[in-house]
N, C-alpha and C. Protein backbone atom coordinates (compact mmCIF):
# COMPACT_ATOMS: atom_id res chain seq x y z
N MET A 1 18.38 -2.58 92.92
CA MET A 1 18.46 -2.87 91.52
C MET A 1 19.94 -2.93 91.15
N LEU A 2 20.31 -3.92 90.35
CA LEU A 2 21.66 -4.02 89.85
C LEU A 2 21.72 -3.41 88.46
N GLN A 3 22.66 -2.54 88.27
CA GLN A 3 22.87 -1.99 86.93
C GLN A 3 24.30 -2.31 86.54
N TYR A 4 24.44 -2.93 85.41
CA TYR A 4 25.75 -3.34 84.96
C TYR A 4 25.80 -3.20 83.45
N ARG A 5 26.81 -2.55 82.96
CA ARG A 5 26.96 -2.41 81.51
C ARG A 5 27.63 -3.67 80.98
N LEU A 6 26.91 -4.39 80.16
CA LEU A 6 27.40 -5.66 79.65
C LEU A 6 27.95 -5.49 78.24
N GLY A 7 29.24 -5.65 78.10
CA GLY A 7 29.86 -5.60 76.79
C GLY A 7 30.62 -6.89 76.51
N TRP A 8 30.47 -7.85 77.43
CA TRP A 8 31.21 -9.09 77.31
C TRP A 8 30.38 -10.15 76.59
N LYS A 9 31.07 -11.12 76.05
CA LYS A 9 30.36 -12.23 75.43
C LYS A 9 29.84 -13.19 76.49
N GLN A 10 30.54 -13.23 77.63
CA GLN A 10 30.11 -14.12 78.70
C GLN A 10 30.32 -13.44 80.04
N LEU A 11 29.32 -13.47 80.86
CA LEU A 11 29.38 -12.93 82.22
C LEU A 11 29.12 -14.09 83.17
N SER A 12 30.00 -14.28 84.14
CA SER A 12 29.83 -15.34 85.12
C SER A 12 29.70 -14.73 86.50
N VAL A 13 28.97 -15.41 87.36
CA VAL A 13 28.79 -14.94 88.73
C VAL A 13 29.10 -16.08 89.70
N ILE A 14 29.73 -15.71 90.79
CA ILE A 14 29.95 -16.65 91.90
C ILE A 14 29.25 -16.01 93.09
N ALA A 15 28.57 -16.82 93.89
CA ALA A 15 27.75 -16.24 94.96
C ALA A 15 27.76 -17.10 96.21
N GLY A 16 27.43 -16.45 97.31
CA GLY A 16 27.28 -17.11 98.60
C GLY A 16 26.15 -16.44 99.36
N ILE A 17 25.59 -17.16 100.29
CA ILE A 17 24.47 -16.62 101.05
C ILE A 17 24.63 -17.00 102.53
N SER A 18 24.24 -16.09 103.38
CA SER A 18 24.19 -16.36 104.81
C SER A 18 22.76 -16.08 105.28
N TYR A 19 22.54 -16.14 106.57
CA TYR A 19 21.20 -15.82 107.07
C TYR A 19 20.83 -14.38 106.77
N TRP A 20 21.82 -13.51 106.74
CA TRP A 20 21.53 -12.07 106.65
C TRP A 20 22.02 -11.41 105.39
N ARG A 21 22.88 -12.05 104.62
CA ARG A 21 23.48 -11.37 103.46
C ARG A 21 23.59 -12.29 102.25
N PHE A 22 23.71 -11.63 101.12
CA PHE A 22 23.96 -12.30 99.84
C PHE A 22 25.25 -11.72 99.29
N TYR A 23 26.21 -12.56 99.00
CA TYR A 23 27.51 -12.13 98.50
C TYR A 23 27.67 -12.61 97.07
N PHE A 24 28.20 -11.77 96.21
CA PHE A 24 28.45 -12.22 94.85
C PHE A 24 29.54 -11.38 94.20
N ARG A 25 30.13 -11.96 93.17
CA ARG A 25 31.09 -11.25 92.34
C ARG A 25 30.83 -11.63 90.89
N LEU A 26 30.99 -10.66 90.02
CA LEU A 26 30.83 -10.87 88.58
C LEU A 26 32.20 -10.96 87.95
N PHE A 27 32.33 -11.85 86.98
CA PHE A 27 33.60 -12.04 86.28
C PHE A 27 33.37 -12.05 84.78
N ASN A 28 34.28 -11.46 84.08
CA ASN A 28 34.29 -11.50 82.63
C ASN A 28 34.80 -12.88 82.21
N GLY A 29 34.02 -13.62 81.46
CA GLY A 29 34.43 -14.95 81.03
C GLY A 29 34.11 -16.00 82.07
N SER A 30 34.72 -17.16 81.89
CA SER A 30 34.48 -18.30 82.79
C SER A 30 35.17 -18.10 84.13
N ILE A 31 34.56 -18.65 85.16
CA ILE A 31 35.18 -18.63 86.49
C ILE A 31 36.15 -19.79 86.55
N LYS A 32 37.36 -19.46 86.97
CA LYS A 32 38.43 -20.46 87.08
C LYS A 32 38.92 -20.51 88.52
N SER A 33 39.84 -21.39 88.78
CA SER A 33 40.33 -21.62 90.13
C SER A 33 40.77 -20.35 90.87
N PRO A 34 41.55 -19.46 90.25
CA PRO A 34 41.96 -18.25 90.99
C PRO A 34 40.79 -17.39 91.45
N GLN A 35 39.75 -17.30 90.64
CA GLN A 35 38.58 -16.51 91.04
C GLN A 35 37.84 -17.18 92.19
N ILE A 36 37.80 -18.51 92.21
CA ILE A 36 37.15 -19.23 93.30
C ILE A 36 37.87 -18.98 94.61
N VAL A 37 39.20 -19.09 94.59
CA VAL A 37 39.99 -18.87 95.80
C VAL A 37 39.86 -17.41 96.25
N GLU A 38 39.89 -16.49 95.32
CA GLU A 38 39.70 -15.06 95.64
C GLU A 38 38.37 -14.84 96.36
N PHE A 39 37.32 -15.46 95.85
CA PHE A 39 36.00 -15.30 96.45
C PHE A 39 35.93 -15.94 97.84
N LEU A 40 36.51 -17.13 97.99
CA LEU A 40 36.53 -17.79 99.30
C LEU A 40 37.26 -16.94 100.33
N LYS A 41 38.38 -16.36 99.93
CA LYS A 41 39.13 -15.49 100.85
C LYS A 41 38.30 -14.28 101.25
N ALA A 42 37.61 -13.69 100.29
CA ALA A 42 36.76 -12.53 100.59
C ALA A 42 35.62 -12.92 101.54
N LEU A 43 35.02 -14.09 101.32
CA LEU A 43 33.96 -14.56 102.22
C LEU A 43 34.48 -14.75 103.64
N GLN A 44 35.66 -15.36 103.74
CA GLN A 44 36.24 -15.59 105.06
C GLN A 44 36.52 -14.27 105.78
N THR A 45 37.06 -13.32 105.05
CA THR A 45 37.38 -12.02 105.63
C THR A 45 36.11 -11.30 106.07
N THR A 46 35.08 -11.35 105.24
CA THR A 46 33.84 -10.65 105.53
C THR A 46 33.07 -11.29 106.68
N SER A 47 32.96 -12.62 106.66
CA SER A 47 32.13 -13.29 107.66
C SER A 47 32.88 -13.50 108.98
N GLY A 48 34.16 -13.82 108.87
CA GLY A 48 34.93 -14.10 110.08
C GLY A 48 34.52 -15.38 110.77
N LYS A 49 33.72 -16.20 110.10
CA LYS A 49 33.23 -17.44 110.69
C LYS A 49 33.58 -18.63 109.80
N LYS A 50 33.35 -19.80 110.33
CA LYS A 50 33.53 -21.03 109.57
C LYS A 50 32.53 -21.04 108.42
N LEU A 51 32.97 -21.50 107.25
CA LEU A 51 32.11 -21.52 106.06
C LEU A 51 31.69 -22.93 105.71
N LEU A 52 30.45 -23.07 105.28
CA LEU A 52 29.95 -24.31 104.69
C LEU A 52 29.76 -24.03 103.21
N ILE A 53 30.51 -24.70 102.38
CA ILE A 53 30.46 -24.52 100.93
C ILE A 53 29.78 -25.73 100.31
N ILE A 54 28.76 -25.49 99.50
CA ILE A 54 28.06 -26.56 98.78
C ILE A 54 28.32 -26.35 97.30
N TRP A 55 28.99 -27.32 96.70
CA TRP A 55 29.43 -27.19 95.32
C TRP A 55 28.82 -28.22 94.40
N ASP A 56 28.74 -27.83 93.12
CA ASP A 56 28.35 -28.77 92.08
C ASP A 56 29.63 -29.42 91.54
N GLY A 57 29.56 -29.99 90.38
CA GLY A 57 30.69 -30.72 89.84
C GLY A 57 31.61 -29.92 88.94
N LEU A 58 31.59 -28.59 89.02
CA LEU A 58 32.46 -27.77 88.18
C LEU A 58 33.92 -28.19 88.33
N GLN A 59 34.61 -28.36 87.23
CA GLN A 59 36.00 -28.80 87.26
C GLN A 59 36.87 -27.88 88.12
N ALA A 60 36.66 -26.58 88.04
CA ALA A 60 37.47 -25.63 88.82
C ALA A 60 37.33 -25.87 90.32
N HIS A 61 36.21 -26.40 90.78
CA HIS A 61 36.03 -26.69 92.20
C HIS A 61 36.95 -27.82 92.65
N ARG A 62 37.34 -28.66 91.72
CA ARG A 62 38.16 -29.83 92.06
C ARG A 62 39.63 -29.65 91.70
N SER A 63 40.03 -28.48 91.28
CA SER A 63 41.40 -28.25 90.83
C SER A 63 42.41 -28.37 91.99
N LYS A 64 43.65 -28.61 91.65
CA LYS A 64 44.71 -28.69 92.65
C LYS A 64 44.85 -27.38 93.41
N PHE A 65 44.71 -26.27 92.70
CA PHE A 65 44.84 -24.94 93.31
C PHE A 65 43.78 -24.73 94.38
N VAL A 66 42.54 -25.06 94.07
CA VAL A 66 41.44 -24.90 95.03
C VAL A 66 41.59 -25.91 96.18
N ARG A 67 41.95 -27.13 95.86
CA ARG A 67 42.13 -28.14 96.92
C ARG A 67 43.23 -27.72 97.90
N ALA A 68 44.33 -27.17 97.36
CA ALA A 68 45.42 -26.72 98.23
C ALA A 68 44.95 -25.60 99.16
N HIS A 69 44.14 -24.69 98.62
CA HIS A 69 43.61 -23.61 99.47
C HIS A 69 42.70 -24.18 100.55
N MET A 70 41.84 -25.11 100.18
CA MET A 70 40.90 -25.70 101.14
C MET A 70 41.66 -26.43 102.26
N GLU A 71 42.68 -27.17 101.89
CA GLU A 71 43.46 -27.90 102.90
C GLU A 71 44.19 -26.95 103.84
N ALA A 72 44.64 -25.83 103.33
CA ALA A 72 45.36 -24.85 104.15
C ALA A 72 44.44 -24.17 105.16
N GLN A 73 43.14 -24.29 104.99
CA GLN A 73 42.19 -23.64 105.90
C GLN A 73 42.00 -24.40 107.21
N ARG A 74 42.45 -25.64 107.25
CA ARG A 74 42.42 -26.46 108.47
C ARG A 74 41.06 -26.46 109.16
N GLY A 75 40.03 -26.76 108.38
CA GLY A 75 38.70 -26.91 108.96
C GLY A 75 37.86 -25.65 109.02
N ARG A 76 38.41 -24.51 108.61
CA ARG A 76 37.62 -23.28 108.63
C ARG A 76 36.62 -23.23 107.49
N ILE A 77 36.82 -24.13 106.51
CA ILE A 77 35.87 -24.28 105.41
C ILE A 77 35.46 -25.75 105.36
N VAL A 78 34.16 -25.99 105.45
CA VAL A 78 33.61 -27.34 105.32
C VAL A 78 33.02 -27.45 103.92
N LEU A 79 33.35 -28.50 103.23
CA LEU A 79 32.92 -28.67 101.85
C LEU A 79 31.96 -29.84 101.71
N GLU A 80 30.86 -29.59 101.04
CA GLU A 80 29.90 -30.63 100.68
C GLU A 80 29.66 -30.53 99.18
N ARG A 81 29.62 -31.65 98.52
CA ARG A 81 29.36 -31.68 97.09
C ARG A 81 27.94 -32.16 96.83
N LEU A 82 27.32 -31.55 95.86
CA LEU A 82 25.99 -32.00 95.45
C LEU A 82 26.12 -33.39 94.84
N PRO A 83 25.13 -34.26 95.03
CA PRO A 83 25.18 -35.57 94.38
C PRO A 83 25.08 -35.42 92.87
N ALA A 84 25.57 -36.40 92.16
CA ALA A 84 25.63 -36.34 90.71
C ALA A 84 24.26 -36.05 90.07
N TYR A 85 23.19 -36.62 90.60
CA TYR A 85 21.87 -36.41 90.00
C TYR A 85 21.39 -34.96 90.16
N ALA A 86 21.96 -34.20 91.10
CA ALA A 86 21.52 -32.82 91.33
C ALA A 86 22.34 -31.82 90.52
N ARG A 87 23.33 -32.27 89.78
CA ARG A 87 24.23 -31.38 89.06
C ARG A 87 23.75 -31.04 87.66
N ARG A 88 22.68 -31.58 87.23
CA ARG A 88 22.24 -31.33 85.85
C ARG A 88 21.25 -30.22 85.77
């Protein structure tokens, strides 16, 4: 059971799943590029394996900051985007 005291106007979650685990982090307010990169780094550290990331069309996913991090990974992160019709 998750117990969390909510006093914020907006709570956002970023999550990942593997065969054996579910990873997530809660953030106060909207998730932005720094939080995405922070989460990706944590996933890489925890899993120690190549990651397959499936993303929707969130603007933060396409930011210069996130793109620079992805490029620096040199293939350790594979990115797939959902098609436009699946983003709604």
